[in-house]
């Protein structure tokens, strides 16, 4: 194979690996910060209705 094609395939595979790591990191990180906000928002209307 021509070294140019090897370089192109290497760059594409590296970008794919980086993008998959970013997707995995985004799946784990935001959930911890989003869930408490949603729980707090759900509890506030319940407290207002109960009083």
N, C-alpha and C. Protein backbone atom coordinates (compact mmCIF):
# COMPACT_ATOMS: atom_id res chain seq x y z
N UNK A 1 0.84 -1.20 0.00
CA UNK A 1 0.00 0.00 0.00
C UNK A 1 0.87 1.25 0.00
N UNK A 2 0.33 2.27 -0.58
CA UNK A 2 1.02 3.56 -0.62
C UNK A 2 1.02 4.19 0.77
N UNK A 3 2.13 4.77 1.21
CA UNK A 3 2.16 5.39 2.54
C UNK A 3 1.11 6.48 2.73
N UNK A 4 0.72 7.13 1.64
CA UNK A 4 -0.31 8.17 1.76
C UNK A 4 -1.63 7.57 2.22
N UNK A 5 -1.99 6.42 1.63
CA UNK A 5 -3.25 5.78 2.02
C UNK A 5 -3.18 5.29 3.46
N UNK A 6 -2.02 4.79 3.87
CA UNK A 6 -1.87 4.37 5.26
C UNK A 6 -2.06 5.54 6.21
N UNK A 7 -1.52 6.70 5.84
CA UNK A 7 -1.67 7.88 6.68
C UNK A 7 -3.13 8.32 6.74
N UNK A 8 -3.82 8.28 5.59
CA UNK A 8 -5.23 8.68 5.56
C UNK A 8 -6.07 7.75 6.43
N UNK A 9 -5.84 6.44 6.29
CA UNK A 9 -6.60 5.47 7.09
C UNK A 9 -6.27 5.64 8.57
N UNK A 10 -5.02 5.91 8.89
CA UNK A 10 -4.63 6.13 10.29
C UNK A 10 -5.30 7.34 10.89
N UNK A 11 -5.37 8.43 10.12
CA UNK A 11 -6.02 9.64 10.62
C UNK A 11 -7.51 9.40 10.83
N UNK A 12 -8.15 8.71 9.89
CA UNK A 12 -9.59 8.44 10.02
C UNK A 12 -9.85 7.56 11.23
N UNK A 13 -9.03 6.54 11.43
CA UNK A 13 -9.23 5.66 12.58
C UNK A 13 -8.96 6.39 13.89
N UNK A 14 -7.98 7.28 13.90
CA UNK A 14 -7.70 8.05 15.11
C UNK A 14 -8.87 8.98 15.44
N UNK A 15 -9.43 9.63 14.42
CA UNK A 15 -10.58 10.50 14.66
C UNK A 15 -11.77 9.69 15.16
N UNK A 16 -11.96 8.50 14.63
CA UNK A 16 -13.05 7.64 15.10
C UNK A 16 -12.86 7.24 16.54
N UNK A 17 -11.63 6.91 16.93
CA UNK A 17 -11.36 6.52 18.31
C UNK A 17 -11.58 7.70 19.26
N UNK A 18 -11.13 8.88 18.87
CA UNK A 18 -11.31 10.06 19.71
C UNK A 18 -12.78 10.40 19.85
N UNK A 19 -13.52 10.33 18.75
CA UNK A 19 -14.95 10.67 18.82
C UNK A 19 -15.71 9.66 19.67
N UNK A 20 -15.34 8.39 19.61
CA UNK A 20 -16.02 7.40 20.45
C UNK A 20 -15.72 7.63 21.92
N UNK A 21 -14.50 8.03 22.24
CA UNK A 21 -14.17 8.34 23.63
C UNK A 21 -14.94 9.56 24.12
N UNK A 22 -15.10 10.56 23.26
CA UNK A 22 -15.85 11.75 23.63
C UNK A 22 -17.31 11.40 23.89
N UNK A 23 -17.88 10.55 23.04
CA UNK A 23 -19.28 10.14 23.22
C UNK A 23 -19.43 9.39 24.54
N UNK A 24 -18.52 8.50 24.85
CA UNK A 24 -18.59 7.75 26.10
C UNK A 24 -18.43 8.69 27.30
N UNK A 25 -17.54 9.66 27.21
CA UNK A 25 -17.35 10.59 28.31
C UNK A 25 -18.58 11.45 28.52
N UNK A 26 -19.23 11.86 27.44
CA UNK A 26 -20.44 12.68 27.57
C UNK A 26 -21.60 11.89 28.14
N UNK A 27 -21.65 10.59 27.89
CA UNK A 27 -22.74 9.78 28.43
C UNK A 27 -22.63 9.65 29.94
N UNK A 28 -21.42 9.58 30.47
CA UNK A 28 -21.25 9.38 31.91
C UNK A 28 -21.25 10.68 32.69
N UNK A 29 -20.66 11.73 32.16
CA UNK A 29 -20.47 12.96 32.93
C UNK A 29 -21.76 13.74 33.20
N UNK A 30 -22.60 14.03 32.21
CA UNK A 30 -23.71 14.94 32.50
C UNK A 30 -24.81 14.35 33.37
N UNK A 31 -24.94 13.04 33.42
CA UNK A 31 -26.05 12.45 34.17
C UNK A 31 -26.00 12.82 35.64
N UNK A 32 -24.82 12.89 36.22
CA UNK A 32 -24.70 13.21 37.64
C UNK A 32 -25.18 14.63 37.93
N UNK A 33 -24.97 15.55 36.99
CA UNK A 33 -25.36 16.93 37.23
C UNK A 33 -26.80 17.20 36.81
N UNK A 34 -27.33 16.43 35.86
CA UNK A 34 -28.69 16.69 35.39
C UNK A 34 -29.72 16.11 36.35
N UNK A 35 -29.47 14.94 36.89
CA UNK A 35 -30.48 14.27 37.72
C UNK A 35 -30.84 15.08 38.97
N UNK A 36 -29.90 15.62 39.74
CA UNK A 36 -30.32 16.42 40.90
C UNK A 36 -31.16 17.63 40.52
N UNK A 37 -30.87 18.25 39.38
CA UNK A 37 -31.68 19.38 38.95
C UNK A 37 -33.10 18.95 38.65
N UNK A 38 -33.25 17.82 37.98
CA UNK A 38 -34.60 17.34 37.66
C UNK A 38 -35.34 16.95 38.93
N UNK A 39 -34.66 16.32 39.87
CA UNK A 39 -35.31 15.93 41.12
C UNK A 39 -35.76 17.17 41.88
N UNK A 40 -34.92 18.20 41.91
CA UNK A 40 -35.29 19.43 42.61
C UNK A 40 -36.47 20.10 41.93
N UNK A 41 -36.50 20.09 40.62
CA UNK A 41 -37.62 20.72 39.90
C UNK A 41 -38.90 19.94 40.12
N UNK A 42 -38.81 18.62 40.22
CA UNK A 42 -40.02 17.82 40.44
C UNK A 42 -40.54 18.01 41.86
N UNK A 43 -39.67 18.20 42.82
CA UNK A 43 -40.11 18.32 44.21
C UNK A 43 -40.74 19.68 44.50
N UNK A 44 -40.27 20.73 43.85
CA UNK A 44 -40.80 22.07 44.15
C UNK A 44 -42.29 22.19 43.88
N UNK A 45 -42.81 21.77 42.73
CA UNK A 45 -44.26 21.89 42.52
C UNK A 45 -45.05 21.00 43.48
N UNK A 46 -44.50 19.84 43.85
CA UNK A 46 -45.18 18.96 44.79
C UNK A 46 -45.32 19.61 46.15
N UNK A 47 -44.30 20.31 46.59
CA UNK A 47 -44.37 20.99 47.89
C UNK A 47 -45.36 22.14 47.84
N UNK A 48 -45.40 22.84 46.72
CA UNK A 48 -46.33 23.96 46.61
C UNK A 48 -47.77 23.46 46.63
N UNK A 49 -48.03 22.33 45.99
CA UNK A 49 -49.40 21.80 45.94
C UNK A 49 -49.78 21.24 47.31
N UNK A 50 -48.83 20.59 48.01
CA UNK A 50 -49.14 19.98 49.30
C UNK A 50 -49.49 21.04 50.34
N UNK A 51 -48.87 22.20 50.25
CA UNK A 51 -49.16 23.25 51.23
C UNK A 51 -50.43 23.90 50.81
